[in-house]
PDB file of N, CA and C in Angstrom:
ATOM      1  N   MET A   1       3.681  -1.818   6.708  1.00  0.00           N
ATOM      2  CA  MET A   1       4.684  -2.807   6.775  1.00  0.00           C
ATOM      3  C   MET A   1       5.996  -2.020   6.391  1.00  0.00           C
ATOM      4  N   CYS A   2       5.900  -1.476   4.909  1.00  0.00           N
ATOM      5  CA  CYS A   2       7.158  -0.921   4.509  1.00  0.00           C
ATOM      6  C   CYS A   2       7.286   0.756   4.621  1.00  0.00           C
ATOM      7  N   GLY A   3       6.078   1.220   5.173  1.00  0.00           N
ATOM      8  CA  GLY A   3       5.986   2.632   5.360  1.00  0.00           C
ATOM      9  C   GLY A   3       5.639   3.501   4.025  1.00  0.00           C
ATOM     10  N   LYS A   4       4.826   2.744   3.151  1.00  0.00           N
ATOM     11  CA  LYS A   4       4.348   3.546   2.012  1.00  0.00           C
ATOM     12  C   LYS A   4       3.302   4.576   2.262  1.00  0.00           C
ATOM     13  N   ARG A   5       3.519   5.694   1.693  1.00  0.00           N
ATOM     14  CA  ARG A   5       2.420   6.787   1.988  1.00  0.00           C
ATOM     15  C   ARG A   5       1.894   7.205   0.683  1.00  0.00           C
ATOM     16  N   PRO A   6       0.690   7.863   0.615  1.00  0.00           N
ATOM     17  CA  PRO A   6       0.137   8.397  -0.592  1.00  0.00           C
ATOM     18  C   PRO A   6       1.352   9.376  -1.258  1.00  0.00           C
ATOM     19  N   GLY A   7       1.242   9.425  -2.621  1.00  0.00           N
ATOM     20  CA  GLY A   7       2.089  10.341  -3.438  1.00  0.00           C
ATOM     21  C   GLY A   7       0.966  11.433  -3.864  1.00  0.00           C
ATOM     22  N   PHE A   8       1.666  12.599  -3.854  1.00  0.00           N
ATOM     23  CA  PHE A   8       0.857  13.878  -4.223  1.00  0.00           C
ATOM     24  C   PHE A   8       1.267  14.523  -5.619  1.00  0.00           C
ATOM     25  N   GLY A   9       0.465  15.025  -6.382  1.00  0.00           N
ATOM     26  CA  GLY A   9       0.745  15.768  -7.605  1.00  0.00           C
ATOM     27  C   GLY A   9      -0.405  16.542  -8.146  1.00  0.00           C
ATOM     28  N   HIS A  10      -0.383  16.581  -9.342  1.00  0.00           N
ATOM     29  CA  HIS A  10      -1.493  17.381 -10.316  1.00  0.00           C
ATOM     30  C   HIS A  10      -1.932  16.420 -11.124  1.00  0.00           C
ATOM     31  N   ASN A  11      -3.456  16.608 -11.497  1.00  0.00           N
ATOM     32  CA  ASN A  11      -4.188  16.299 -12.695  1.00  0.00           C
ATOM     33  C   ASN A  11      -3.633  17.402 -13.631  1.00  0.00           C
ATOM     34  N   LYS A  12      -3.350  17.151 -14.860  1.00  0.00           N
ATOM     35  CA  LYS A  12      -3.027  17.955 -15.942  1.00  0.00           C
ATOM     36  C   LYS A  12      -3.720  17.662 -17.253  1.00  0.00           C
ATOM     37  N   PRO A  13      -5.041  18.043 -17.347  1.00  0.00           N
ATOM     38  CA  PRO A  13      -5.659  17.850 -18.605  1.00  0.00           C
ATOM     39  C   PRO A  13      -5.164  18.650 -19.730  1.00  0.00           C
ATOM     40  N   TRP A  14      -5.814  18.493 -20.911  1.00  0.00           N
ATOM     41  CA  TRP A  14      -5.439  19.107 -22.000  1.00  0.00           C
ATOM     42  C   TRP A  14      -5.443  20.646 -21.934  1.00  0.00           C
ATOM     43  N   SER A  15      -6.411  21.194 -21.084  1.00  0.00           N
ATOM     44  CA  SER A  15      -6.690  22.495 -20.978  1.00  0.00           C
ATOM     45  C   SER A  15      -5.376  23.177 -20.100  1.00  0.00           C
ATOM     46  N   LYS A  16      -4.585  22.340 -19.480  1.00  0.00           N
ATOM     47  CA  LYS A  16      -3.569  22.677 -18.505  1.00  0.00           C
ATOM     48  C   LYS A  16      -3.946  23.312 -17.211  1.00  0.00           C
ATOM     49  N   LYS A  17      -5.154  23.093 -17.015  1.00  0.00           N
ATOM     50  CA  LYS A  17      -5.697  23.632 -15.680  1.00  0.00           C
ATOM     51  C   LYS A  17      -5.328  22.580 -14.588  1.00  0.00           C
ATOM     52  N   LYS A  18      -4.388  22.828 -13.747  1.00  0.00           N
ATOM     53  CA  LYS A  18      -3.885  21.709 -12.959  1.00  0.00           C
ATOM     54  C   LYS A  18      -4.794  21.722 -11.627  1.00  0.00           C
ATOM     55  N   THR A  19      -5.099  20.362 -11.181  1.00  0.00           N
ATOM     56  CA  THR A  19      -5.939  20.279  -9.975  1.00  0.00           C
ATOM     57  C   THR A  19      -5.134  19.386  -9.090  1.00  0.00           C
ATOM     58  N   ASN A  20      -5.405  19.320  -7.785  1.00  0.00           N
ATOM     59  CA  ASN A  20      -4.570  18.412  -7.057  1.00  0.00           C
ATOM     60  C   ASN A  20      -5.140  16.968  -7.012  1.00  0.00           C
ATOM     61  N   ARG A  21      -4.378  16.013  -6.913  1.00  0.00           N
ATOM     62  CA  ARG A  21      -4.641  14.449  -6.775  1.00  0.00           C
ATOM     63  C   ARG A  21      -3.746  13.800  -6.004  1.00  0.00           C
ATOM     64  N   ARG A  22      -3.971  12.557  -5.553  1.00  0.00           N
ATOM     65  CA  ARG A  22      -3.281  11.794  -4.776  1.00  0.00           C
ATOM     66  C   ARG A  22      -3.206  10.394  -5.347  1.00  0.00           C
ATOM     67  N   TRP A  23      -2.019   9.734  -5.190  1.00  0.00           N
ATOM     68  CA  TRP A  23      -1.934   8.217  -5.661  1.00  0.00           C
ATOM     69  C   TRP A  23      -1.853   7.484  -4.202  1.00  0.00           C
ATOM     70  N   ASP A  24      -2.754   6.758  -4.123  1.00  0.00           N
ATOM     71  CA  ASP A  24      -2.818   5.931  -2.871  1.00  0.00           C
ATOM     72  C   ASP A  24      -1.979   4.631  -3.155  1.00  0.00           C
ATOM     73  N   PRO A  25      -1.254   4.115  -2.156  1.00  0.00           N
ATOM     74  CA  PRO A  25      -0.730   2.736  -2.382  1.00  0.00           C
ATOM     75  C   PRO A  25      -1.801   1.775  -2.204  1.00  0.00           C
ATOM     76  N   ASN A  26      -1.472   0.632  -2.885  1.00  0.00           N
ATOM     77  CA  ASN A  26      -2.500  -0.624  -2.716  1.00  0.00           C
ATOM     78  C   ASN A  26      -2.125  -1.361  -1.423  1.00  0.00           C
ATOM     79  N   ILE A  27      -3.074  -0.929  -0.299  1.00  0.00           N
ATOM     80  CA  ILE A  27      -2.745  -1.530   0.938  1.00  0.00           C
ATOM     81  C   ILE A  27      -4.000  -2.295   1.329  1.00  0.00           C
ATOM     82  N   GLN A  28      -3.573  -3.762   1.792  1.00  0.00           N
ATOM     83  CA  GLN A  28      -4.408  -4.649   2.145  1.00  0.00           C
ATOM     84  C   GLN A  28      -4.300  -5.149   3.531  1.00  0.00           C
ATOM     85  N   THR A  29      -5.477  -5.374   4.092  1.00  0.00           N
ATOM     86  CA  THR A  29      -5.336  -5.962   5.413  1.00  0.00           C
ATOM     87  C   THR A  29      -5.079  -7.524   5.340  1.00  0.00           C
ATOM     88  N   VAL A  30      -4.083  -8.097   5.976  1.00  0.00           N
ATOM     89  CA  VAL A  30      -3.790  -9.598   5.915  1.00  0.00           C
ATOM     90  C   VAL A  30      -3.531 -10.012   7.169  1.00  0.00           C
ATOM     91  N   SER A  31      -3.860 -11.354   7.380  1.00  0.00           N
ATOM     92  CA  SER A  31      -3.328 -12.146   8.674  1.00  0.00           C
ATOM     93  C   SER A  31      -1.968 -12.566   8.242  1.00  0.00           C
ATOM     94  N   ALA A  32      -1.070 -12.059   9.210  1.00  0.00           N
ATOM     95  CA  ALA A  32       0.389 -12.456   8.910  1.00  0.00           C
ATOM     96  C   ALA A  32       0.847 -13.074  10.149  1.00  0.00           C
ATOM     97  N   ALA A  33       1.795 -13.951   9.940  1.00  0.00           N
ATOM     98  CA  ALA A  33       2.443 -14.635  11.166  1.00  0.00           C
ATOM     99  C   ALA A  33       3.605 -13.907  11.678  1.00  0.00           C
ATOM    100  N   LEU A  34       3.379 -13.253  13.001  1.00  0.00           N
ATOM    101  CA  LEU A  34       4.304 -12.468  13.509  1.00  0.00           C
ATOM    102  C   LEU A  34       4.689 -13.070  14.883  1.00  0.00           C
ATOM    103  N   SER A  35       5.895 -13.407  15.060  1.00  0.00           N
ATOM    104  CA  SER A  35       6.583 -14.251  16.268  1.00  0.00           C
ATOM    105  C   SER A  35       5.684 -15.358  16.568  1.00  0.00           C
ATOM    106  N   GLY A  36       5.321 -16.184  15.486  1.00  0.00           N
ATOM    107  CA  GLY A  36       4.492 -17.474  15.808  1.00  0.00           C
ATOM    108  C   GLY A  36       3.185 -17.272  15.911  1.00  0.00           C
ATOM    109  N   ARG A  37       2.523 -16.185  16.001  1.00  0.00           N
ATOM    110  CA  ARG A  37       1.129 -15.947  16.219  1.00  0.00           C
ATOM    111  C   ARG A  37       0.650 -15.016  14.859  1.00  0.00           C
ATOM    112  N   ALA A  38      -0.711 -15.407  14.677  1.00  0.00           N
ATOM    113  CA  ALA A  38      -1.414 -14.762  13.445  1.00  0.00           C
ATOM    114  C   ALA A  38      -1.823 -13.369  14.090  1.00  0.00           C
ATOM    115  N   LYS A  39      -1.369 -12.305  13.197  1.00  0.00           N
ATOM    116  CA  LYS A  39      -1.935 -10.943  13.491  1.00  0.00           C
ATOM    117  C   LYS A  39      -2.342 -10.318  12.290  1.00  0.00           C
ATOM    118  N   ARG A  40      -3.312  -9.432  12.300  1.00  0.00           N
ATOM    119  CA  ARG A  40      -3.846  -8.628  11.156  1.00  0.00           C
ATOM    120  C   ARG A  40      -3.031  -7.543  11.045  1.00  0.00           C
ATOM    121  N   ILE A  41      -2.436  -7.114   9.905  1.00  0.00           N
ATOM    122  CA  ILE A  41      -1.689  -6.000   9.628  1.00  0.00           C
ATOM    123  C   ILE A  41      -2.161  -5.511   8.186  1.00  0.00           C
ATOM    124  N   ASN A  42      -1.612  -4.080   8.174  1.00  0.00           N
ATOM    125  CA  ASN A  42      -1.771  -3.471   6.788  1.00  0.00           C
ATOM    126  C   ASN A  42      -0.542  -3.629   6.086  1.00  0.00           C
ATOM    127  N   ALA A  43      -0.535  -4.214   4.858  1.00  0.00           N
ATOM    128  CA  ALA A  43       0.672  -4.436   4.004  1.00  0.00           C
ATOM    129  C   ALA A  43       0.450  -4.043   2.670  1.00  0.00           C
ATOM    130  N   CYS A  44       1.321  -3.457   1.907  1.00  0.00           N
ATOM    131  CA  CYS A  44       1.098  -3.290   0.510  1.00  0.00           C
ATOM    132  C   CYS A  44       1.267  -4.381  -0.120  1.00  0.00           C
ATOM    133  N   THR A  45       0.634  -4.481  -1.429  1.00  0.00           N
ATOM    134  CA  THR A  45       0.642  -5.680  -2.337  1.00  0.00           C
ATOM    135  C   THR A  45       1.977  -6.076  -2.745  1.00  0.00           C
ATOM    136  N   SER A  46       2.955  -5.175  -3.021  1.00  0.00           N
ATOM    137  CA  SER A  46       4.112  -5.290  -3.445  1.00  0.00           C
ATOM    138  C   SER A  46       5.128  -6.121  -2.443  1.00  0.00           C
ATOM    139  N   CYS A  47       4.730  -5.816  -1.097  1.00  0.00           N
ATOM    140  CA  CYS A  47       5.355  -6.601  -0.135  1.00  0.00           C
ATOM    141  C   CYS A  47       4.903  -8.022   0.116  1.00  0.00           C
ATOM    142  N   ILE A  48       3.769  -8.102  -0.093  1.00  0.00           N
ATOM    143  CA  ILE A  48       2.912  -9.357   0.038  1.00  0.00           C
ATOM    144  C   ILE A  48       3.565 -10.120  -1.219  1.00  0.00           C
ATOM    145  N   LYS A  49       3.581  -9.749  -2.479  1.00  0.00           N
ATOM    146  CA  LYS A  49       4.191 -10.401  -3.557  1.00  0.00           C
ATOM    147  C   LYS A  49       5.637 -10.802  -3.561  1.00  0.00           C
ATOM    148  N   ALA A  50       6.327  -9.996  -2.844  1.00  0.00           N
ATOM    149  CA  ALA A  50       7.835 -10.129  -2.749  1.00  0.00           C
ATOM    150  C   ALA A  50       8.132 -11.177  -1.478  1.00  0.00           C
ATOM    151  N   GLY A  51       7.160 -11.505  -0.724  1.00  0.00           N
ATOM    152  CA  GLY A  51       7.156 -12.360   0.263  1.00  0.00           C
ATOM    153  C   GLY A  51       7.801 -11.684   1.514  1.00  0.00           C
ATOM    154  N   LYS A  52       7.891 -10.435   1.651  1.00  0.00           N
ATOM    155  CA  LYS A  52       8.241  -9.779   2.887  1.00  0.00           C
ATOM    156  C   LYS A  52       7.243  -9.989   3.968  1.00  0.00           C
ATOM    157  N   VAL A  53       6.152 -10.414   3.666  1.00  0.00           N
ATOM    158  CA  VAL A  53       5.099 -10.576   4.699  1.00  0.00           C
ATOM    159  C   VAL A  53       4.607 -12.139   4.805  1.00  0.00           C
ATOM    160  N   ALA A  54       4.888 -12.886   5.772  1.00  0.00           N
ATOM    161  CA  ALA A  54       4.623 -14.256   5.907  1.00  0.00           C
ATOM    162  C   ALA A  54       2.984 -14.364   6.215  1.00  0.00           C
ATOM    163  N   VAL A  55       2.297 -14.402   5.165  1.00  0.00           N
ATOM    164  CA  VAL A  55       0.802 -14.534   5.417  1.00  0.00           C
ATOM    165  C   VAL A  55       0.495 -16.015   5.950  1.00  0.00           C
ATOM    166  N   ALA A  56      -0.502 -15.759   7.157  1.00  0.00           N
ATOM    167  CA  ALA A  56      -0.800 -16.895   7.864  1.00  0.00           C
ATOM    168  C   ALA A  56      -2.068 -17.492   7.135  1.00  0.00           C
ATOM    169  N   SER A  57      -2.152 -18.779   6.878  1.00  0.00           N
ATOM    170  CA  SER A  57      -3.381 -19.414   6.264  1.00  0.00           C
ATOM    171  C   SER A  57      -4.234 -19.907   7.104  1.00  0.00           C
TER     172      SER A  57
END
């Protein structure tokens, strides 16, 4: 919905040996009301909480 993508960086433990890691956004499949019809979409939880996605019940 909002175009969130994974963030990339490094794990950095005490030994300073950096390894790659990724931070995934919390994406949920919800049934949303789009143009009067219920449709399943992928939306991040921050958009669902903010009310940017009209969740169909």
